[in-house]
Amino acid sequence: MAIDFTLTPQQRELQLSARDFAGKALADVGKTIRHLPTAEERFLATRPAYEDVVAQGWLRKVTLSARGRRG
């Protein structure tokens, strides 16, 4: 039995939107942390990217609530 992995139009829209957001929000993270000597410093330097994820509502879009629903 074949499995159909075709996305619905809503899923495709979310995929493209997430790709666009990630390309913008995460594009400079590597350059920002590359020169930092410790893992802790590198982690702490990613805070602005995580804050952007939350501010743009992506955390709610990709996590489940206590009731098992998105957002």
C-alpha atoms as a PDB file:
ATOM      1  CA  MET A   1       0.000   0.000   0.000  1.00  0.00           C
ATOM      2  CA  ALA A   2       1.467   3.342  -1.063  1.00  0.00           C
ATOM      3  CA  ILE A   3       1.561   6.298   1.299  1.00  0.00           C
ATOM      4  CA  ASP A   4       0.574   9.675  -0.108  1.00  0.00           C
ATOM      5  CA  PHE A   5       2.800  12.434   1.257  1.00  0.00           C
ATOM      6  CA  THR A   6       1.127  15.162  -0.798  1.00  0.00           C
ATOM      7  CA  LEU A   7       0.609  18.295   1.281  1.00  0.00           C
ATOM      8  CA  THR A   8      -2.740  20.012   1.476  1.00  0.00           C
ATOM      9  CA  PRO A   9      -2.777  23.598   0.202  1.00  0.00           C
ATOM     10  CA  GLN A  10      -2.725  24.820   3.824  1.00  0.00           C
ATOM     11  CA  GLN A  11       0.232  22.584   4.679  1.00  0.00           C
ATOM     12  CA  ARG A  12       2.115  23.744   1.582  1.00  0.00           C
ATOM     13  CA  GLU A  13       1.443  27.389   2.490  1.00  0.00           C
ATOM     14  CA  LEU A  14       2.764  26.756   6.017  1.00  0.00           C
ATOM     15  CA  GLN A  15       5.820  24.971   4.622  1.00  0.00           C
ATOM     16  CA  LEU A  16       6.677  27.833   2.280  1.00  0.00           C
ATOM     17  CA  SER A  17       6.042  30.430   4.963  1.00  0.00           C
ATOM     18  CA  ALA A  18       8.260  28.560   7.435  1.00  0.00           C
ATOM     19  CA  ARG A  19      11.006  28.220   4.839  1.00  0.00           C
ATOM     20  CA  ASP A  20      10.882  31.944   4.088  1.00  0.00           C
ATOM     21  CA  PHE A  21      10.921  32.874   7.783  1.00  0.00           C
ATOM     22  CA  ALA A  22      13.808  30.534   8.569  1.00  0.00           C
ATOM     23  CA  GLY A  23      15.805  31.824   5.629  1.00  0.00           C
ATOM     24  CA  LYS A  24      15.508  35.357   6.956  1.00  0.00           C
ATOM     25  CA  ALA A  25      15.621  34.819  10.716  1.00  0.00           C
ATOM     26  CA  LEU A  26      18.356  32.191  10.790  1.00  0.00           C
ATOM     27  CA  ALA A  27      20.515  33.285   7.868  1.00  0.00           C
ATOM     28  CA  ASP A  28      23.139  35.054   9.970  1.00  0.00           C
ATOM     29  CA  VAL A  29      23.214  32.785  13.019  1.00  0.00           C
ATOM     30  CA  GLY A  30      26.236  30.846  11.763  1.00  0.00           C
ATOM     31  CA  LYS A  31      28.233  33.998  11.143  1.00  0.00           C
ATOM     32  CA  THR A  32      27.181  35.385  14.516  1.00  0.00           C
ATOM     33  CA  ILE A  33      28.294  32.399  16.580  1.00  0.00           C
ATOM     34  CA  ARG A  34      31.219  31.060  14.556  1.00  0.00           C
ATOM     35  CA  HIS A  35      33.844  33.137  16.365  1.00  0.00           C
ATOM     36  CA  LEU A  36      32.566  32.437  19.895  1.00  0.00           C
ATOM     37  CA  PRO A  37      34.808  30.038  21.824  1.00  0.00           C
ATOM     38  CA  THR A  38      32.352  28.181  24.059  1.00  0.00           C
ATOM     39  CA  ALA A  39      29.114  26.336  23.492  1.00  0.00           C
ATOM     40  CA  GLU A  40      27.450  28.436  26.163  1.00  0.00           C
ATOM     41  CA  GLU A  41      28.426  31.690  24.443  1.00  0.00           C
ATOM     42  CA  ARG A  42      27.239  30.350  21.104  1.00  0.00           C
ATOM     43  CA  PHE A  43      23.933  29.286  22.633  1.00  0.00           C
ATOM     44  CA  LEU A  44      23.391  32.630  24.347  1.00  0.00           C
ATOM     45  CA  ALA A  45      24.163  34.477  21.110  1.00  0.00           C
ATOM     46  CA  THR A  46      21.231  32.723  19.419  1.00  0.00           C
ATOM     47  CA  ARG A  47      18.746  34.374  21.775  1.00  0.00           C
ATOM     48  CA  PRO A  48      17.682  37.066  19.268  1.00  0.00           C
ATOM     49  CA  ALA A  49      16.811  34.365  16.744  1.00  0.00           C
ATOM     50  CA  TYR A  50      14.702  32.504  19.319  1.00  0.00           C
ATOM     51  CA  GLU A  51      13.013  35.759  20.339  1.00  0.00           C
ATOM     52  CA  ASP A  52      12.151  36.351  16.697  1.00  0.00           C
ATOM     53  CA  VAL A  53      10.671  32.834  16.442  1.00  0.00           C
ATOM     54  CA  VAL A  54       8.411  33.585  19.414  1.00  0.00           C
ATOM     55  CA  ALA A  55       7.531  37.125  18.290  1.00  0.00           C
ATOM     56  CA  GLN A  56       6.474  35.894  14.852  1.00  0.00           C
ATOM     57  CA  GLY A  57       4.258  33.188  16.379  1.00  0.00           C
ATOM     58  CA  TRP A  58       6.216  30.215  15.053  1.00  0.00           C
ATOM     59  CA  LEU A  59       6.595  28.570  18.442  1.00  0.00           C
ATOM     60  CA  ARG A  60       2.820  28.235  18.703  1.00  0.00           C
ATOM     61  CA  LYS A  61       2.581  26.947  15.156  1.00  0.00           C
ATOM     62  CA  VAL A  62       4.972  24.053  15.732  1.00  0.00           C
ATOM     63  CA  THR A  63       4.116  22.961  19.276  1.00  0.00           C
ATOM     64  CA  LEU A  64       1.075  21.219  20.689  1.00  0.00           C
ATOM     65  CA  SER A  65      -1.048  22.653  23.472  1.00  0.00           C
ATOM     66  CA  ALA A  66      -1.948  20.616  26.548  1.00  0.00           C
ATOM     67  CA  ARG A  67      -5.020  19.424  24.624  1.00  0.00           C
ATOM     68  CA  GLY A  68      -2.942  18.139  21.735  1.00  0.00           C
ATOM     69  CA  ARG A  69      -3.857  20.971  19.384  1.00  0.00           C
ATOM     70  CA  ARG A  70      -1.520  23.329  17.567  1.00  0.00           C
ATOM     71  CA  GLY A  71      -1.036  26.759  19.140  1.00  0.00           C
END
